[in-house]
């Protein structure tokens, strides 16, 4: 805006108390600077500077403009930077959906890394079933989603974020808890707690695939709750559960987690739309790649 530019010219002259020094600082010709100040005075209808052959002094009106004009310019600069930050992906709002299992560690770790790297990006999170995350990212309700084993979906881009080692949650006094790991073959006669297949077919198939590769067919018991932090059927000794290692730190007292042998991992993907990505979403993808490397999330368990 012309008025803002002239205000900056006036502030330079008023601070330097000299048209010559101000012109040098602003890298413009002195006659052009003088003309801009006269135009500003004409627009405001008041004299801003008392000019003599020896010095330039702000008038009473000029001193008021100095006091409040500097803050106005600083606020304008800040506003311009903030607006430009949206184009650079440094500012913005992201709606992120995540499934219950990714909420133990994966989602909080990723979003903490995003907040540290790009504090101008604000995230709103929603704990949702997998099907709702897929639909939300597809229709734009969500900017991104974190889920286990999502199906290939034409309008979505799947970015592998983590290969999470799997293990067994069971009571401390369970016979299989005595060792440092659990042989998959030893699960043949166990009841395994699983989510219903329709809730996340990919994850269900990945879990049952572990048993299929071992040539065993344990009894499966479906969970009645989509999220059960207490792991009630396991706590009550009615079943054991195959879960990722990220659930280990928050287990209720009386339960333990042991890794499977041979090692098995479940994929966790970051879902985005892939066409006309918002700059803030691109920043999230960059941070996701860096976070996965930093934490060694992509390495297959051995």
Protein backbone atom coordinates (compact mmCIF):
# COMPACT_ATOMS: atom_id res chain seq x y z
CA UNK A 1 0.00 0.00 0.00
CA UNK A 2 1.29 3.45 -0.93
CA UNK A 3 0.31 4.94 2.45
CA UNK A 4 2.27 2.28 4.33
CA UNK A 5 5.33 2.81 2.14
CA UNK A 6 5.15 6.57 2.76
CA UNK A 7 4.78 5.93 6.48
CA UNK A 8 8.01 3.93 6.41
CA UNK A 9 9.72 6.81 4.55
CA UNK A 10 8.49 9.29 7.13
CA UNK A 11 9.73 7.11 10.02
CA UNK A 12 13.17 6.89 8.44
CA UNK A 13 13.42 10.67 8.07
CA UNK A 14 12.07 11.30 11.57
CA UNK A 15 14.54 8.89 13.13
CA UNK A 16 17.54 10.13 11.16
CA UNK A 17 16.50 13.80 11.52
CA UNK A 18 17.84 14.13 8.00
CA UNK A 19 16.49 13.63 4.49
CA UNK A 20 19.99 12.88 3.21
CA UNK A 21 20.78 10.13 5.70
CA UNK A 22 17.27 8.66 5.38
CA UNK A 23 17.55 8.57 1.59
CA UNK A 24 20.88 6.75 1.84
CA UNK A 25 19.39 4.22 4.26
CA UNK A 26 16.34 3.66 2.08
CA UNK A 27 18.40 3.54 -1.14
CA UNK A 28 16.24 6.10 -2.93
CA UNK A 29 16.98 9.56 -4.31
CA UNK A 30 16.53 12.45 -1.88
CA UNK A 31 14.15 14.42 -4.16
CA UNK A 32 11.93 11.34 -4.48
CA UNK A 33 11.93 10.91 -0.70
CA UNK A 34 11.02 14.56 -0.15
CA UNK A 35 8.18 14.23 -2.66
CA UNK A 36 6.79 11.15 -0.85
CA UNK A 37 6.80 12.94 2.51
CA UNK A 38 5.01 15.98 1.03
CA UNK A 39 2.36 13.68 -0.46
CA UNK A 40 1.87 12.03 2.93
CA UNK A 41 1.42 15.42 4.59
CA UNK A 42 -1.07 16.43 1.91
CA UNK A 43 -3.07 13.24 2.37
CA UNK A 44 -3.18 13.71 6.14
CA UNK A 45 -3.74 17.45 5.92
CA UNK A 46 -1.09 18.24 8.54
CA UNK A 47 2.59 19.17 8.62
CA UNK A 48 4.64 16.27 10.01
CA UNK A 49 8.16 17.72 9.88
CA UNK A 50 9.66 21.11 10.62
CA UNK A 51 12.44 21.59 8.09
CA UNK A 52 15.36 23.97 8.55
CA UNK A 53 18.68 24.24 6.80
CA UNK A 54 20.32 22.54 9.76
CA UNK A 55 17.89 19.81 10.81
CA UNK A 56 14.54 18.13 10.49
CA UNK A 57 12.30 17.83 13.55
CA UNK A 58 8.95 16.06 13.90
CA UNK A 59 6.00 18.28 14.71
CA UNK A 60 3.52 17.35 17.43
CA UNK A 61 1.52 15.42 14.82
CA UNK A 62 4.75 13.91 13.54
CA UNK A 63 5.71 12.67 17.01
CA UNK A 64 2.31 10.96 17.35
CA UNK A 65 2.80 9.31 13.96
CA UNK A 66 6.29 8.19 15.01
CA UNK A 67 5.02 6.64 18.25
CA UNK A 68 2.13 4.74 16.74
CA UNK A 69 3.34 4.35 13.17
CA UNK A 70 6.29 2.16 14.12
CA UNK A 71 3.99 -0.34 15.81
CA UNK A 72 1.69 -0.26 12.79
CA UNK A 73 4.58 -1.12 10.46
CA UNK A 74 5.75 -3.92 12.72
CA UNK A 75 2.26 -5.38 12.86
CA UNK A 76 1.95 -5.11 9.06
CA UNK A 77 5.28 -6.90 8.63
CA UNK A 78 4.16 -9.62 11.01
CA UNK A 79 0.85 -9.99 9.19
CA UNK A 80 2.59 -10.24 5.81
CA UNK A 81 4.97 -12.91 7.16
CA UNK A 82 2.10 -14.89 8.65
CA UNK A 83 0.09 -14.80 5.42
CA UNK A 84 3.13 -15.76 3.35
CA UNK A 85 3.71 -18.58 5.83
CA UNK A 86 0.59 -20.32 4.57
CA UNK A 87 2.07 -20.54 1.08
CA UNK A 88 5.33 -21.89 2.49
CA UNK A 89 3.57 -24.40 4.71
CA UNK A 90 4.88 -22.74 7.87
CA UNK A 91 1.39 -21.74 9.01
CA UNK A 92 -1.96 -23.46 8.73
CA UNK A 93 -4.38 -25.85 10.36
CA UNK A 94 -4.43 -29.60 9.88
CA UNK A 95 -7.23 -32.00 10.79
CA UNK A 96 -5.71 -35.39 11.57
CA UNK A 97 -7.61 -38.58 12.26
CA UNK A 98 -5.96 -41.51 13.99
CA UNK A 99 -6.95 -45.01 15.02
CA UNK A 100 -6.80 -46.13 18.64
CA UNK A 101 -3.72 -48.30 18.21
CA UNK A 102 -1.66 -45.47 16.69
CA UNK A 103 -2.55 -43.26 19.65
CA UNK A 104 -0.24 -45.08 22.06
CA UNK A 105 2.96 -43.67 20.59
CA UNK A 106 3.01 -43.19 16.82
CA UNK A 107 0.55 -40.30 16.48
CA UNK A 108 1.75 -38.34 19.56
CA UNK A 109 5.39 -38.70 18.49
CA UNK A 110 4.69 -37.53 14.95
CA UNK A 111 2.59 -34.54 16.00
CA UNK A 112 5.13 -33.50 18.64
CA UNK A 113 7.83 -33.52 15.95
CA UNK A 114 5.58 -31.43 13.67
CA UNK A 115 4.93 -28.88 16.44
CA UNK A 116 8.64 -28.58 17.14
CA UNK A 117 9.63 -28.19 13.50
CA UNK A 118 6.71 -25.97 12.44
CA UNK A 119 5.08 -24.28 15.45
CA UNK A 120 2.86 -22.21 13.13
CA UNK A 121 0.97 -25.33 12.05
CA UNK A 122 -1.88 -26.14 14.41
CA UNK A 123 -3.33 -29.66 14.43
CA UNK A 124 -6.77 -30.79 15.47
CA UNK A 125 -6.94 -34.53 16.15
CA UNK A 126 -9.83 -36.99 16.12
CA UNK A 127 -9.83 -40.58 17.35
CA UNK A 128 -11.87 -42.44 14.75
CA UNK A 129 -12.55 -45.93 13.39
CA UNK A 130 -10.43 -46.82 10.38
CA UNK A 131 -13.33 -46.62 7.92
CA UNK A 132 -14.16 -43.07 9.03
CA UNK A 133 -10.53 -42.01 8.66
CA UNK A 134 -10.42 -43.34 5.11
CA UNK A 135 -13.65 -41.55 4.24
CA UNK A 136 -12.61 -38.33 5.96
CA UNK A 137 -9.29 -38.06 4.12
CA UNK A 138 -11.00 -38.92 0.83
CA UNK A 139 -13.70 -36.26 1.15
CA UNK A 140 -11.45 -33.59 2.64
CA UNK A 141 -12.94 -33.59 6.13
CA UNK A 142 -9.50 -34.73 7.30
CA UNK A 143 -6.17 -33.60 5.92
CA UNK A 144 -4.38 -36.76 7.00
CA UNK A 145 -4.96 -40.01 8.85
CA UNK A 146 -2.88 -42.62 10.64
CA UNK A 147 -4.11 -46.19 10.43
CA UNK A 148 -2.87 -49.76 10.43
CA UNK A 149 -2.88 -51.71 7.15
CA UNK A 150 -5.17 -49.41 5.12
CA UNK A 151 -6.49 -50.81 1.82
CA UNK A 152 -5.26 -49.33 -1.47
CA UNK A 153 -7.64 -46.47 -2.29
CA UNK A 154 -7.36 -44.62 -5.64
CA UNK A 155 -7.77 -41.08 -4.30
CA UNK A 156 -5.49 -41.59 -1.28
CA UNK A 157 -1.72 -41.75 -0.96
CA UNK A 158 -0.37 -44.24 1.56
CA UNK A 159 2.97 -43.30 3.12
CA UNK A 160 4.50 -46.10 5.17
CA UNK A 161 5.33 -44.57 8.54
CA UNK A 162 6.10 -47.55 10.72
CA UNK A 163 6.59 -51.30 10.75
CA UNK A 164 5.58 -51.94 14.33
CA UNK A 165 6.83 -55.15 15.98
CA UNK A 166 3.99 -57.23 17.35
CA UNK A 167 3.77 -59.15 20.59
CA UNK A 168 1.36 -60.79 22.98
CA UNK A 169 -0.39 -59.08 25.88
CA UNK A 170 -1.25 -61.51 28.65
CA UNK A 171 -1.47 -61.76 32.45
CA UNK A 172 1.85 -61.88 34.28
CA UNK A 173 1.09 -65.36 35.59
CA UNK A 174 0.29 -66.76 32.14
CA UNK A 175 2.62 -69.68 31.26
CA UNK A 176 3.75 -67.93 28.06
CA UNK A 177 4.88 -64.88 30.07
CA UNK A 178 7.79 -66.76 31.58
CA UNK A 179 10.00 -66.38 28.50
CA UNK A 180 11.52 -63.34 26.83
CA UNK A 181 9.35 -63.89 23.74
CA UNK A 182 6.41 -65.99 22.60
CA UNK A 183 6.74 -68.60 19.88
CA UNK A 184 3.85 -68.25 17.45
CA UNK A 185 3.37 -72.03 17.50
CA UNK A 186 2.63 -71.80 21.23
CA UNK A 187 -0.54 -69.81 20.43
CA UNK A 188 -2.26 -72.74 18.76
CA UNK A 189 -4.36 -73.56 21.82
CA UNK A 190 -4.91 -69.96 22.96
CA UNK A 191 -7.94 -67.72 22.50
CA UNK A 192 -6.84 -64.60 20.62
CA UNK A 193 -8.69 -61.32 21.08
CA UNK A 194 -9.20 -59.56 17.74
CA UNK A 195 -11.21 -56.70 16.29
CA UNK A 196 -14.00 -57.71 13.93
CA UNK A 197 -12.75 -57.99 10.36
CA UNK A 198 -15.17 -55.38 9.00
CA UNK A 199 -13.61 -52.72 11.25
CA UNK A 200 -10.24 -53.02 9.49
CA UNK A 201 -9.92 -55.94 7.06
CA UNK A 202 -6.25 -55.25 6.39
CA UNK A 203 -5.27 -55.43 10.03
CA UNK A 204 -7.42 -58.50 10.67
CA UNK A 205 -5.83 -60.28 7.73
CA UNK A 206 -2.34 -59.28 8.85
CA UNK A 207 -2.93 -60.79 12.30
CA UNK A 208 -4.50 -64.00 11.02
CA UNK A 209 -1.73 -64.18 8.41
CA UNK A 210 0.78 -64.59 11.26
CA UNK A 211 -1.10 -67.71 12.34
CA UNK A 212 -1.56 -68.97 8.80
CA UNK A 213 2.18 -68.80 8.10
CA UNK A 214 2.81 -70.81 11.25
CA UNK A 215 0.18 -73.36 10.24
CA UNK A 216 -1.93 -72.89 13.37
CA UNK A 217 -5.60 -72.03 13.90
CA UNK A 218 -6.13 -70.54 17.36
CA UNK A 219 -9.62 -69.67 18.51
CA UNK A 220 -10.49 -66.04 17.76
CA UNK A 221 -12.65 -63.89 20.00
CA UNK A 222 -13.95 -60.58 18.70
CA UNK A 223 -13.65 -57.44 20.80
CA UNK A 224 -16.94 -55.76 21.73
CA UNK A 225 -15.31 -52.35 22.21
CA UNK A 226 -13.35 -50.49 19.55
CA UNK A 227 -11.03 -49.19 22.27
CA UNK A 228 -10.43 -50.91 25.59
CA UNK A 229 -7.43 -49.48 27.45
CA UNK A 230 -8.02 -51.94 30.30
CA UNK A 231 -7.85 -54.98 27.96
CA UNK A 232 -10.59 -56.53 30.06
CA UNK A 233 -10.86 -60.00 28.46
CA UNK A 234 -7.07 -60.31 28.75
CA UNK A 235 -7.01 -59.04 32.32
CA UNK A 236 -9.72 -61.57 33.21
CA UNK A 237 -7.71 -64.41 31.70
CA UNK A 238 -10.24 -65.08 28.95
CA UNK A 239 -7.87 -64.43 26.03
CA UNK A 240 -4.52 -63.03 24.96
CA UNK A 241 -4.06 -60.29 22.38
CA UNK A 242 -1.63 -59.52 19.57
CA UNK A 243 -0.68 -55.83 19.78
CA UNK A 244 2.17 -53.54 18.78
CA UNK A 245 5.08 -52.73 21.07
CA UNK A 246 3.87 -49.13 21.47
CA UNK A 247 1.09 -50.39 23.77
CA UNK A 248 3.64 -51.85 26.19
CA UNK A 249 4.41 -48.79 28.39
CA UNK A 250 0.75 -48.10 29.21
CA UNK A 251 -0.35 -51.61 30.12
CA UNK A 252 -2.51 -52.04 33.22
CA UNK A 253 -0.85 -53.59 36.25
CA UNK A 254 -0.89 -57.34 36.01
CA UNK A 255 -0.37 -57.53 32.25
CA UNK A 256 2.86 -58.00 30.31
CA UNK A 257 3.90 -57.77 26.65
CA UNK A 258 6.24 -60.25 25.00
CA UNK A 259 7.43 -60.04 21.36
CA UNK A 260 6.47 -62.73 18.90
CA UNK A 261 8.98 -65.22 17.56
CA UNK A 262 9.55 -65.31 14.66
CA UNK A 263 9.29 -61.53 14.63
CA UNK A 264 6.23 -60.01 12.99
CA UNK A 265 5.34 -56.40 12.19
CA UNK A 266 2.19 -54.50 11.28
CA UNK A 267 2.24 -51.55 8.87
CA UNK A 268 1.14 -48.10 10.00
CA UNK A 269 0.50 -45.64 7.17
CA UNK A 270 0.01 -41.90 6.97
CA UNK A 271 -2.84 -41.23 4.56
CA UNK A 272 -3.16 -38.04 2.49
CA UNK A 273 -5.13 -37.09 -0.61
CA UNK A 274 -2.21 -36.77 -2.98
CA UNK A 275 -3.65 -34.17 -5.39
CA UNK A 276 -3.24 -30.45 -4.72
CA UNK A 277 -1.79 -31.13 -1.27
CA UNK A 278 -1.91 -28.13 1.04
CA UNK A 279 1.54 -26.77 1.90
CA UNK A 280 1.00 -27.64 5.57
CA UNK A 281 0.24 -31.24 4.60
CA UNK A 282 3.46 -31.36 2.61
CA UNK A 283 5.29 -30.24 5.75
CA UNK A 284 3.61 -33.05 7.70
CA UNK A 285 4.83 -35.59 5.15
CA UNK A 286 8.36 -34.24 5.39
CA UNK A 287 8.29 -34.46 9.18
CA UNK A 288 6.81 -37.97 8.99
CA UNK A 289 9.69 -39.18 6.82
CA UNK A 290 12.24 -37.60 9.16
CA UNK A 291 10.53 -38.96 12.28
CA UNK A 292 10.37 -42.48 10.87
CA UNK A 293 14.12 -42.40 10.18
CA UNK A 294 14.96 -40.88 13.56
CA UNK A 295 13.05 -43.54 15.49
CA UNK A 296 13.95 -46.44 13.23
CA UNK A 297 10.30 -47.16 12.51
CA UNK A 298 10.75 -48.54 9.01
CA UNK A 299 13.19 -51.32 9.80
CA UNK A 300 11.65 -54.79 9.77
CA UNK A 301 12.01 -56.65 13.08
CA UNK A 302 14.59 -59.39 12.98
